[in-house]
N, C-alpha and C. Protein backbone atom coordinates (compact mmCIF):
# COMPACT_ATOMS: atom_id res chain seq x y z
N MET A 1 -28.59 14.85 -77.33
CA MET A 1 -28.86 13.33 -77.44
C MET A 1 -28.94 12.45 -76.05
N VAL A 2 -29.70 11.79 -76.15
CA VAL A 2 -29.72 10.76 -74.87
C VAL A 2 -29.14 8.89 -74.77
N LYS A 3 -28.11 8.87 -73.60
CA LYS A 3 -27.33 7.92 -73.48
C LYS A 3 -28.70 6.60 -73.02
N VAL A 4 -28.72 5.41 -73.13
CA VAL A 4 -29.66 4.62 -72.51
C VAL A 4 -28.61 3.64 -71.66
N THR A 5 -29.23 3.46 -70.81
CA THR A 5 -28.18 1.98 -69.78
C THR A 5 -29.37 1.41 -69.29
N ARG A 6 -28.68 0.30 -68.80
CA ARG A 6 -29.97 -0.92 -68.22
C ARG A 6 -29.26 -0.81 -67.14
N GLU A 7 -30.33 -0.94 -65.80
CA GLU A 7 -29.67 -1.20 -64.62
C GLU A 7 -30.67 -1.51 -63.74
N GLY A 8 -30.59 -2.77 -63.76
CA GLY A 8 -31.24 -3.65 -63.19
C GLY A 8 -32.44 -4.05 -63.56
N GLY A 9 -33.35 -3.84 -63.13
CA GLY A 9 -34.53 -3.99 -64.20
C GLY A 9 -35.80 -2.45 -64.49
N SER A 10 -34.61 -1.89 -64.59
CA SER A 10 -35.22 0.10 -65.16
C SER A 10 -34.04 0.19 -66.11
N PHE A 11 -34.25 0.94 -67.46
CA PHE A 11 -33.34 2.07 -68.49
C PHE A 11 -33.31 3.58 -67.66
N ILE A 12 -32.43 3.64 -68.01
CA ILE A 12 -32.00 4.82 -67.87
C ILE A 12 -31.87 5.90 -69.24
N PHE A 13 -32.14 6.90 -69.34
CA PHE A 13 -32.08 7.55 -69.85
C PHE A 13 -31.64 9.30 -69.80
N GLU A 14 -30.24 9.10 -70.32
CA GLU A 14 -29.85 9.88 -69.75
C GLU A 14 -29.66 11.14 -70.57
N VAL A 15 -30.56 12.69 -70.93
CA VAL A 15 -29.92 13.42 -71.48
C VAL A 15 -28.32 14.62 -71.22
N GLU A 16 -27.53 14.36 -72.33
CA GLU A 16 -26.86 14.64 -72.73
C GLU A 16 -26.46 16.68 -72.77
N GLY A 17 -24.69 17.07 -72.69
CA GLY A 17 -24.63 17.93 -72.51
C GLY A 17 -25.47 19.29 -72.68
N VAL A 18 -25.90 20.14 -73.41
CA VAL A 18 -26.46 21.75 -72.80
C VAL A 18 -28.12 21.06 -73.53
N ASP A 19 -28.50 19.86 -74.05
CA ASP A 19 -29.82 18.90 -74.42
C ASP A 19 -30.23 19.00 -72.94
N LYS A 20 -29.92 19.34 -72.11
CA LYS A 20 -30.59 19.09 -70.68
C LYS A 20 -30.80 20.74 -69.97
N LEU A 21 -30.27 22.16 -71.05
CA LEU A 21 -30.96 23.07 -70.76
C LEU A 21 -32.64 22.93 -71.31
N TRP A 22 -32.25 22.72 -72.54
CA TRP A 22 -33.87 22.89 -73.49
C TRP A 22 -34.62 21.86 -73.31
N ALA A 23 -34.69 20.74 -72.76
CA ALA A 23 -35.57 19.97 -72.66
C ALA A 23 -35.57 19.76 -71.32
N LEU A 24 -35.03 20.71 -70.55
CA LEU A 24 -35.25 20.62 -68.72
C LEU A 24 -35.53 19.87 -68.07
N LYS A 25 -34.82 18.88 -68.52
CA LYS A 25 -34.80 17.48 -67.56
C LYS A 25 -33.34 16.74 -68.31
N SER A 26 -32.94 15.77 -67.20
CA SER A 26 -31.51 15.63 -67.51
C SER A 26 -31.80 13.94 -67.19
N ARG A 27 -32.26 13.12 -66.96
CA ARG A 27 -32.60 11.89 -66.64
C ARG A 27 -33.87 11.42 -66.24
N LEU A 28 -34.27 10.32 -67.00
CA LEU A 28 -35.39 9.70 -66.43
C LEU A 28 -35.44 7.79 -66.25
N GLU A 29 -36.03 7.81 -65.31
CA GLU A 29 -35.60 5.81 -65.38
C GLU A 29 -37.05 5.50 -65.49
N ILE A 30 -37.06 4.62 -65.97
CA ILE A 30 -38.32 3.92 -66.55
C ILE A 30 -37.90 2.39 -66.27
N PRO A 31 -38.86 1.91 -65.31
CA PRO A 31 -39.30 -0.15 -65.33
C PRO A 31 -39.03 -0.33 -66.36
N ALA A 32 -37.94 -1.59 -67.28
CA ALA A 32 -38.21 -2.14 -68.32
C ALA A 32 -39.67 -2.53 -68.62
N SER A 33 -40.64 -2.94 -67.15
CA SER A 33 -42.13 -3.59 -67.61
C SER A 33 -43.13 -2.76 -68.15
N ASP A 34 -42.84 -0.93 -68.60
CA ASP A 34 -43.14 0.09 -68.75
C ASP A 34 -43.13 0.07 -69.69
N ILE A 35 -41.78 -0.23 -70.24
CA ILE A 35 -41.57 -0.04 -72.14
C ILE A 35 -42.72 -0.87 -72.57
N ARG A 36 -42.94 -0.42 -73.71
CA ARG A 36 -43.87 -1.43 -74.56
C ARG A 36 -43.13 -1.69 -75.85
N ALA A 37 -42.77 -1.08 -76.45
CA ALA A 37 -42.08 -1.36 -77.44
C ALA A 37 -40.93 -0.06 -77.76
N ALA A 38 -40.14 -0.18 -78.56
CA ALA A 38 -39.32 0.94 -79.45
C ALA A 38 -39.50 0.80 -80.71
N ARG A 39 -39.06 1.84 -81.87
CA ARG A 39 -39.06 1.68 -82.92
C ARG A 39 -38.48 3.00 -83.66
N ARG A 40 -38.51 2.93 -84.85
CA ARG A 40 -37.76 4.21 -85.87
C ARG A 40 -39.50 4.45 -86.37
N ASP A 41 -39.49 5.62 -86.95
CA ASP A 41 -40.19 6.53 -87.07
C ASP A 41 -40.13 7.93 -87.78
N PRO A 42 -40.03 7.18 -89.34
CA PRO A 42 -39.42 8.49 -90.50
C PRO A 42 -40.40 9.98 -90.15
N ALA A 43 -41.62 9.58 -89.78
CA ALA A 43 -42.68 10.70 -89.73
C ALA A 43 -42.60 11.29 -88.60
N VAL A 44 -42.41 10.72 -87.27
CA VAL A 44 -43.07 11.51 -86.55
C VAL A 44 -41.83 12.84 -86.78
N MET A 45 -41.04 12.93 -86.87
CA MET A 45 -40.55 14.57 -86.84
C MET A 45 -41.55 15.61 -87.79
N GLU A 46 -42.41 15.11 -88.66
CA GLU A 46 -42.87 15.74 -89.56
C GLU A 46 -44.50 15.90 -88.81
N GLY A 47 -44.81 17.57 -89.43
CA GLY A 47 -46.25 18.13 -88.40
C GLY A 47 -45.73 18.95 -86.69
N TRP A 48 -47.17 19.29 -86.40
CA TRP A 48 -46.92 19.24 -85.11
C TRP A 48 -46.81 18.70 -83.86
N LYS A 49 -45.75 19.39 -83.08
CA LYS A 49 -45.06 18.24 -81.73
C LYS A 49 -46.56 18.09 -80.62
N GLY A 50 -47.09 19.29 -80.28
CA GLY A 50 -48.13 19.77 -79.19
C GLY A 50 -47.60 21.21 -78.47
N LEU A 51 -48.47 20.74 -77.31
CA LEU A 51 -48.37 21.67 -77.14
C LEU A 51 -47.20 21.86 -75.95
N ARG A 52 -46.16 23.08 -75.70
CA ARG A 52 -45.22 22.75 -75.32
C ARG A 52 -45.24 22.61 -73.59
N LEU A 53 -45.02 22.05 -72.75
CA LEU A 53 -45.50 21.69 -71.40
C LEU A 53 -44.30 21.41 -70.43
N PRO A 54 -42.60 22.18 -69.97
CA PRO A 54 -42.15 23.21 -71.03
C PRO A 54 -41.38 22.13 -72.10
N GLY A 55 -41.44 23.20 -73.02
CA GLY A 55 -39.90 22.49 -73.91
C GLY A 55 -39.79 23.44 -74.85
N THR A 56 -38.77 23.08 -76.33
CA THR A 56 -37.89 23.40 -76.80
C THR A 56 -38.85 23.51 -78.04
N GLU A 57 -38.68 24.08 -79.17
CA GLU A 57 -39.10 23.59 -80.53
C GLU A 57 -38.56 24.79 -81.84
N ILE A 58 -37.83 24.55 -82.34
CA ILE A 58 -36.70 25.00 -83.13
C ILE A 58 -36.54 24.05 -84.70
N PRO A 59 -37.47 24.97 -85.32
CA PRO A 59 -38.25 24.26 -86.52
C PRO A 59 -36.97 23.35 -87.36
N GLY A 60 -36.51 22.81 -87.66
CA GLY A 60 -35.24 22.07 -88.37
C GLY A 60 -34.07 21.90 -87.58
N LEU A 61 -34.47 22.26 -86.37
CA LEU A 61 -32.71 22.46 -85.98
C LEU A 61 -32.87 21.81 -84.33
N LEU A 62 -34.28 21.76 -83.71
CA LEU A 62 -34.57 20.86 -81.91
C LEU A 62 -35.55 21.09 -81.96
N THR A 63 -36.23 19.94 -81.21
CA THR A 63 -37.59 19.63 -80.31
C THR A 63 -37.10 19.23 -79.31
N ALA A 64 -37.17 19.25 -78.40
CA ALA A 64 -36.73 18.70 -77.06
C ALA A 64 -37.68 19.77 -75.91
N GLY A 65 -38.30 18.34 -75.00
CA GLY A 65 -38.72 18.62 -73.42
C GLY A 65 -40.52 17.94 -73.99
N THR A 66 -40.82 18.70 -72.98
CA THR A 66 -42.22 17.80 -73.01
C THR A 66 -43.11 18.34 -73.45
N PHE A 67 -44.94 17.77 -74.76
CA PHE A 67 -44.79 18.39 -75.52
C PHE A 67 -46.28 17.35 -74.99
N LEU A 68 -47.21 18.04 -75.17
CA LEU A 68 -48.45 17.67 -75.33
C LEU A 68 -49.49 17.72 -76.29
N HIS A 69 -49.56 15.92 -77.01
CA HIS A 69 -50.24 16.29 -78.28
C HIS A 69 -51.49 14.87 -78.57
N ASP A 70 -52.51 15.20 -78.64
CA ASP A 70 -53.67 14.53 -78.54
C ASP A 70 -53.63 13.86 -77.41
N GLY A 71 -53.63 14.43 -76.53
CA GLY A 71 -54.17 14.17 -74.78
C GLY A 71 -52.67 12.96 -74.29
N ARG A 72 -52.16 13.35 -75.00
CA ARG A 72 -50.56 12.53 -75.06
C ARG A 72 -49.60 13.36 -74.64
N ARG A 73 -49.05 12.70 -73.17
CA ARG A 73 -47.70 13.69 -72.91
C ARG A 73 -46.53 12.91 -73.71
N VAL A 74 -45.40 13.99 -74.38
CA VAL A 74 -44.41 12.97 -75.18
C VAL A 74 -43.19 13.74 -74.27
N PHE A 75 -42.11 13.57 -74.40
CA PHE A 75 -41.18 13.94 -73.94
C PHE A 75 -39.89 13.37 -75.07
N TRP A 76 -39.42 14.32 -75.71
CA TRP A 76 -38.93 14.66 -76.80
C TRP A 76 -37.16 15.50 -76.28
N ASP A 77 -36.36 14.45 -77.63
CA ASP A 77 -34.80 14.96 -76.99
C ASP A 77 -34.36 14.63 -78.55
N VAL A 78 -34.65 15.80 -79.37
CA VAL A 78 -34.10 15.20 -81.08
C VAL A 78 -33.51 16.61 -81.80
N HIS A 79 -32.41 16.20 -82.61
CA HIS A 79 -32.25 17.43 -82.97
C HIS A 79 -31.37 16.83 -84.73
N HIS A 80 -31.28 15.55 -84.81
CA HIS A 80 -31.36 14.32 -85.89
C HIS A 80 -32.03 13.36 -86.61
N PRO A 81 -33.05 13.74 -86.75
CA PRO A 81 -34.31 12.86 -86.78
C PRO A 81 -33.69 11.66 -87.32
N ALA A 82 -32.59 11.54 -88.19
CA ALA A 82 -32.62 9.77 -88.52
C ALA A 82 -31.93 8.83 -87.20
N ARG A 83 -31.72 9.73 -86.35
CA ARG A 83 -30.95 8.72 -85.12
C ARG A 83 -32.19 9.14 -84.23
N ALA A 84 -33.83 9.29 -84.55
CA ALA A 84 -33.88 9.38 -83.57
C ALA A 84 -35.01 8.01 -83.22
N VAL A 85 -35.41 7.49 -81.88
CA VAL A 85 -36.14 6.51 -81.71
C VAL A 85 -37.46 6.54 -80.98
N VAL A 86 -38.66 6.48 -81.18
CA VAL A 86 -39.70 6.03 -80.86
C VAL A 86 -39.92 4.90 -79.43
N VAL A 87 -40.06 5.46 -77.97
CA VAL A 87 -40.42 4.43 -76.87
C VAL A 87 -42.10 4.64 -76.70
N ASP A 88 -42.17 3.99 -77.04
CA ASP A 88 -43.71 3.66 -76.52
C ASP A 88 -43.84 2.56 -74.84
N LEU A 89 -44.49 3.97 -73.84
CA LEU A 89 -44.68 3.51 -72.82
C LEU A 89 -45.43 2.90 -72.66
N GLN A 90 -46.01 2.32 -71.03
CA GLN A 90 -47.30 2.61 -69.99
C GLN A 90 -47.21 2.66 -68.58
N HIS A 91 -47.90 2.80 -67.81
CA HIS A 91 -47.94 3.38 -66.36
C HIS A 91 -47.13 4.41 -65.87
N GLU A 92 -46.32 5.23 -67.27
CA GLU A 92 -45.68 6.19 -66.64
C GLU A 92 -46.21 7.35 -67.12
N HIS A 93 -45.34 8.63 -66.16
CA HIS A 93 -45.04 10.48 -66.48
C HIS A 93 -46.02 10.38 -68.26
N TYR A 94 -45.35 9.74 -68.63
CA TYR A 94 -44.59 10.22 -70.17
C TYR A 94 -45.56 9.48 -70.85
N ASP A 95 -46.13 9.16 -71.89
CA ASP A 95 -46.67 8.47 -73.28
C ASP A 95 -45.71 8.19 -73.99
N GLU A 96 -44.77 8.63 -74.14
CA GLU A 96 -43.99 8.02 -75.46
C GLU A 96 -42.57 9.39 -75.18
N LEU A 97 -41.58 8.46 -75.31
CA LEU A 97 -40.36 9.26 -75.40
C LEU A 97 -40.01 9.22 -77.14
N VAL A 98 -39.32 10.51 -77.76
CA VAL A 98 -38.45 10.29 -79.05
C VAL A 98 -37.22 11.36 -78.42
N ILE A 99 -36.54 10.32 -78.81
CA ILE A 99 -34.80 10.71 -78.10
C ILE A 99 -34.41 10.33 -80.12
N GLU A 100 -33.37 10.76 -79.67
CA GLU A 100 -31.66 11.04 -80.30
C GLU A 100 -30.86 10.42 -80.03
N VAL A 101 -30.02 9.09 -80.31
CA VAL A 101 -29.41 7.81 -79.99
C VAL A 101 -28.24 8.00 -80.89
N GLU A 102 -27.36 7.67 -80.45
CA GLU A 102 -25.98 7.55 -80.93
C GLU A 102 -26.13 6.06 -82.32
N ASP A 103 -26.76 5.22 -81.62
CA ASP A 103 -27.25 4.33 -82.49
C ASP A 103 -27.92 3.63 -82.42
N PRO A 104 -28.98 4.11 -82.61
CA PRO A 104 -30.77 3.59 -83.01
C PRO A 104 -30.91 1.72 -82.46
N ASP A 105 -30.52 1.19 -83.79
CA ASP A 105 -30.41 -0.08 -83.57
C ASP A 105 -30.28 -0.66 -82.33
N ALA A 106 -29.24 -0.35 -81.85
CA ALA A 106 -28.13 -1.24 -80.83
C ALA A 106 -29.71 -0.44 -79.65
N VAL A 107 -30.03 0.43 -80.03
CA VAL A 107 -31.14 1.08 -78.80
C VAL A 107 -32.18 -0.14 -78.28
N ILE A 108 -32.53 0.09 -79.88
CA ILE A 108 -34.29 -0.12 -80.29
C ILE A 108 -33.71 -1.73 -79.81
N THR A 109 -33.25 -2.95 -79.87
CA THR A 109 -32.86 -3.87 -79.77
C THR A 109 -33.30 -4.66 -78.20
N LEU A 110 -31.85 -3.69 -77.78
CA LEU A 110 -31.76 -2.76 -76.04
C LEU A 110 -33.13 -3.05 -75.63
N LEU A 111 -33.91 -2.07 -75.56
CA LEU A 111 -35.19 -1.87 -75.43
C LEU A 111 -36.39 -2.69 -75.42
N ASN A 112 -36.24 -3.20 -76.87
CA ASN A 112 -37.59 -4.83 -76.83
C ASN A 112 -36.92 -5.76 -76.72
N LEU A 113 -35.80 -6.27 -76.14
CA LEU A 113 -35.34 -7.12 -75.84
C LEU A 113 -36.16 -7.39 -74.04
N ALA A 114 -36.40 -6.41 -73.72
CA ALA A 114 -36.50 -6.24 -71.89
C ALA A 114 -38.02 -6.88 -71.97
């Protein structure tokens, strides 16, 4: 799971617990100006996630880490698809974040208001 907070003009995405091990990352800091949109996308968990660079995928259980899909770099940390949020980015190392959060609606509102 990922905890999302705002610090000044940036958002902090803090990977929690053992997910740091699976995702091989513990924290991302993204300027608010680089977040294009946040949304739910129930279909995001279906199909091939892409080439792991590095990452972990255990189908039906966990997707975490960096994946390359259709020429786009995507950071994943999802166990429960119902709590997944997709964050579209610009001018960043990642093109997209797909993260599990405790309260998807609150995180989407927070990110989209920036």
